[in-house]
Amino acid sequence: MGGLSIWHWIIVGGVVFILFGGKFKISDVMGDVAKGIKAFKKGMAEDDEAPKAVEETRAIEADKAADRKQV
């Protein structure tokens, strides 16, 4: 009782490794997360632009069809 089990030491070692050592430093990980968020936002913005173009095309086609019916 009061002692640390092997799982406690594994967790502590993992946290220390992430913060201070190896290829996966916390600053690198956070930089990758930020790049992922930016790419996601850019992709969402591109998806929003595509339906607007389709709606405009449909509106133009509807106007042309209405003009043909009037003539």
N, C-alpha and C. Protein backbone atom coordinates (compact mmCIF):
# COMPACT_ATOMS: atom_id res chain seq x y z
N MET A 1 0.84 -1.17 0.00
CA MET A 1 0.00 0.00 0.00
C MET A 1 0.89 1.24 0.00
N GLY A 2 0.54 2.19 -0.83
CA GLY A 2 1.33 3.40 -0.92
C GLY A 2 2.43 3.31 -1.95
N GLY A 3 2.76 2.09 -2.40
CA GLY A 3 3.80 1.94 -3.42
C GLY A 3 3.21 2.10 -4.82
N LEU A 4 4.08 2.34 -5.74
CA LEU A 4 3.64 2.50 -7.12
C LEU A 4 3.77 1.17 -7.85
N SER A 5 2.73 0.78 -8.54
CA SER A 5 2.76 -0.47 -9.30
C SER A 5 3.47 -0.25 -10.63
N ILE A 6 3.63 -1.33 -11.37
CA ILE A 6 4.30 -1.25 -12.66
C ILE A 6 3.54 -0.35 -13.62
N TRP A 7 2.21 -0.35 -13.54
CA TRP A 7 1.39 0.48 -14.44
C TRP A 7 1.61 1.97 -14.17
N HIS A 8 1.79 2.33 -12.93
CA HIS A 8 2.08 3.73 -12.60
C HIS A 8 3.40 4.16 -13.25
N TRP A 9 4.43 3.30 -13.13
CA TRP A 9 5.73 3.62 -13.70
C TRP A 9 5.69 3.67 -15.22
N ILE A 10 4.90 2.80 -15.83
CA ILE A 10 4.77 2.82 -17.30
C ILE A 10 4.13 4.13 -17.75
N ILE A 11 3.09 4.56 -17.06
CA ILE A 11 2.42 5.81 -17.41
C ILE A 11 3.36 7.00 -17.21
N VAL A 12 4.04 7.03 -16.09
CA VAL A 12 4.99 8.13 -15.81
C VAL A 12 6.09 8.13 -16.86
N GLY A 13 6.62 6.97 -17.20
CA GLY A 13 7.66 6.89 -18.22
C GLY A 13 7.17 7.36 -19.58
N GLY A 14 5.94 6.99 -19.93
CA GLY A 14 5.37 7.43 -21.20
C GLY A 14 5.22 8.94 -21.26
N VAL A 15 4.74 9.53 -20.20
CA VAL A 15 4.57 10.99 -20.16
C VAL A 15 5.92 11.69 -20.26
N VAL A 16 6.90 11.20 -19.53
CA VAL A 16 8.25 11.79 -19.58
C VAL A 16 8.83 11.65 -20.99
N PHE A 17 8.63 10.49 -21.61
CA PHE A 17 9.15 10.27 -22.96
C PHE A 17 8.51 11.21 -23.96
N ILE A 18 7.20 11.40 -23.85
CA ILE A 18 6.49 12.31 -24.77
C ILE A 18 6.96 13.75 -24.57
N LEU A 19 7.13 14.16 -23.33
CA LEU A 19 7.50 15.55 -23.06
C LEU A 19 8.95 15.87 -23.40
N PHE A 20 9.86 14.96 -23.13
CA PHE A 20 11.28 15.31 -23.20
C PHE A 20 12.11 14.52 -24.20
N GLY A 21 11.62 13.45 -24.72
CA GLY A 21 12.54 12.65 -25.51
C GLY A 21 11.95 12.09 -26.78
N GLY A 22 12.84 11.51 -27.52
CA GLY A 22 12.42 10.81 -28.72
C GLY A 22 12.01 11.74 -29.84
N LYS A 23 11.47 11.16 -30.86
CA LYS A 23 11.02 11.90 -32.03
C LYS A 23 9.73 12.65 -31.75
N PHE A 24 8.95 12.15 -30.82
CA PHE A 24 7.61 12.68 -30.57
C PHE A 24 7.60 13.65 -29.39
N LYS A 25 8.25 14.78 -29.55
CA LYS A 25 8.18 15.79 -28.51
C LYS A 25 6.82 16.47 -28.56
N ILE A 26 6.40 17.01 -27.46
CA ILE A 26 5.05 17.58 -27.35
C ILE A 26 4.88 18.74 -28.33
N SER A 27 5.93 19.52 -28.57
CA SER A 27 5.81 20.64 -29.51
C SER A 27 5.60 20.13 -30.93
N ASP A 28 6.26 19.04 -31.29
CA ASP A 28 6.07 18.45 -32.62
C ASP A 28 4.66 17.89 -32.77
N VAL A 29 4.19 17.24 -31.73
CA VAL A 29 2.85 16.66 -31.77
C VAL A 29 1.81 17.76 -31.90
N MET A 30 1.96 18.84 -31.14
CA MET A 30 0.99 19.94 -31.21
C MET A 30 1.06 20.65 -32.57
N GLY A 31 2.25 20.74 -33.15
CA GLY A 31 2.37 21.32 -34.49
C GLY A 31 1.63 20.49 -35.52
N ASP A 32 1.74 19.16 -35.40
CA ASP A 32 1.02 18.28 -36.32
C ASP A 32 -0.49 18.40 -36.13
N VAL A 33 -0.93 18.55 -34.89
CA VAL A 33 -2.36 18.73 -34.62
C VAL A 33 -2.85 20.03 -35.26
N ALA A 34 -2.07 21.09 -35.13
CA ALA A 34 -2.45 22.38 -35.72
C ALA A 34 -2.54 22.28 -37.24
N LYS A 35 -1.59 21.58 -37.87
CA LYS A 35 -1.64 21.40 -39.32
C LYS A 35 -2.88 20.62 -39.72
N GLY A 36 -3.23 19.63 -38.94
CA GLY A 36 -4.43 18.85 -39.24
C GLY A 36 -5.69 19.67 -39.14
N ILE A 37 -5.77 20.53 -38.13
CA ILE A 37 -6.94 21.39 -37.97
C ILE A 37 -7.05 22.37 -39.14
N LYS A 38 -5.92 22.95 -39.55
CA LYS A 38 -5.93 23.89 -40.68
C LYS A 38 -6.38 23.19 -41.96
N ALA A 39 -5.88 21.97 -42.18
CA ALA A 39 -6.27 21.22 -43.38
C ALA A 39 -7.75 20.89 -43.35
N PHE A 40 -8.26 20.56 -42.17
CA PHE A 40 -9.68 20.25 -42.03
C PHE A 40 -10.54 21.48 -42.34
N LYS A 41 -10.16 22.63 -41.79
CA LYS A 41 -10.91 23.86 -42.04
C LYS A 41 -10.86 24.23 -43.52
N LYS A 42 -9.70 24.06 -44.15
CA LYS A 42 -9.58 24.36 -45.58
C LYS A 42 -10.48 23.44 -46.39
N GLY A 43 -10.51 22.18 -46.04
CA GLY A 43 -11.37 21.23 -46.74
C GLY A 43 -12.84 21.55 -46.56
N MET A 44 -13.22 21.98 -45.37
CA MET A 44 -14.61 22.35 -45.12
C MET A 44 -14.98 23.59 -45.92
N ALA A 45 -14.06 24.54 -46.04
CA ALA A 45 -14.33 25.76 -46.82
C ALA A 45 -14.50 25.42 -48.29
N GLU A 46 -13.69 24.51 -48.80
CA GLU A 46 -13.81 24.10 -50.21
C GLU A 46 -15.14 23.39 -50.45
N ASP A 47 -15.59 22.60 -49.49
CA ASP A 47 -16.87 21.91 -49.62
C ASP A 47 -18.03 22.90 -49.64
N ASP A 48 -17.91 23.99 -48.91
CA ASP A 48 -18.98 25.00 -48.88
C ASP A 48 -19.07 25.74 -50.20
N GLU A 49 -17.94 25.94 -50.87
CA GLU A 49 -17.93 26.68 -52.14
C GLU A 49 -18.56 25.87 -53.27
N ALA A 50 -18.40 24.57 -53.27
CA ALA A 50 -18.91 23.74 -54.36
C ALA A 50 -20.44 23.79 -54.47
N PRO A 51 -21.21 23.65 -53.39
CA PRO A 51 -22.67 23.73 -53.54
C PRO A 51 -23.15 25.10 -54.01
N LYS A 52 -22.46 26.17 -53.65
CA LYS A 52 -22.86 27.50 -54.10
C LYS A 52 -22.75 27.59 -55.62
N ALA A 53 -21.68 27.03 -56.17
CA ALA A 53 -21.50 27.06 -57.62
C ALA A 53 -22.60 26.25 -58.32
N VAL A 54 -22.97 25.13 -57.74
CA VAL A 54 -24.03 24.29 -58.32
C VAL A 54 -25.36 25.03 -58.27
N GLU A 55 -25.64 25.70 -57.15
CA GLU A 55 -26.89 26.45 -57.03
C GLU A 55 -26.95 27.58 -58.05
N GLU A 56 -25.83 28.27 -58.25
CA GLU A 56 -25.81 29.36 -59.23
C GLU A 56 -26.04 28.83 -60.64
N THR A 57 -25.44 27.69 -60.96
CA THR A 57 -25.61 27.09 -62.28
C THR A 57 -27.07 26.70 -62.49
N ARG A 58 -27.69 26.12 -61.48
CA ARG A 58 -29.10 25.73 -61.59
C ARG A 58 -29.99 26.96 -61.77
N ALA A 59 -29.67 28.04 -61.07
CA ALA A 59 -30.47 29.26 -61.19
C ALA A 59 -30.36 29.84 -62.60
N ILE A 60 -29.16 29.82 -63.15
CA ILE A 60 -28.96 30.34 -64.51
C ILE A 60 -29.71 29.47 -65.52
N GLU A 61 -29.64 28.15 -65.34
CA GLU A 61 -30.35 27.25 -66.25
C GLU A 61 -31.86 27.44 -66.14
N ALA A 62 -32.36 27.69 -64.93
CA ALA A 62 -33.79 27.92 -64.74
C ALA A 62 -34.21 29.22 -65.43
N ASP A 63 -33.38 30.25 -65.34
CA ASP A 63 -33.68 31.52 -66.01
C ASP A 63 -33.71 31.34 -67.52
N LYS A 64 -32.77 30.58 -68.05
CA LYS A 64 -32.74 30.33 -69.50
C LYS A 64 -33.98 29.56 -69.93
N ALA A 65 -34.39 28.59 -69.14
CA ALA A 65 -35.58 27.80 -69.47
C ALA A 65 -36.82 28.68 -69.43
N ALA A 66 -36.89 29.59 -68.47
CA ALA A 66 -38.04 30.50 -68.37
C ALA A 66 -38.07 31.45 -69.56
N ASP A 67 -36.90 31.91 -70.00
CA ASP A 67 -36.83 32.80 -71.17
C ASP A 67 -37.28 32.06 -72.44
N ARG A 68 -36.94 30.80 -72.56
CA ARG A 68 -37.34 30.03 -73.73
C ARG A 68 -38.86 29.86 -73.78
N LYS A 69 -39.47 29.67 -72.61
CA LYS A 69 -40.92 29.48 -72.56
C LYS A 69 -41.65 30.77 -72.93
N GLN A 70 -41.07 31.91 -72.58
CA GLN A 70 -41.71 33.19 -72.86
C GLN A 70 -41.61 33.55 -74.34
N VAL A 71 -40.60 33.11 -75.02
CA VAL A 71 -40.39 33.47 -76.43
C VAL A 71 -41.22 32.67 -77.33
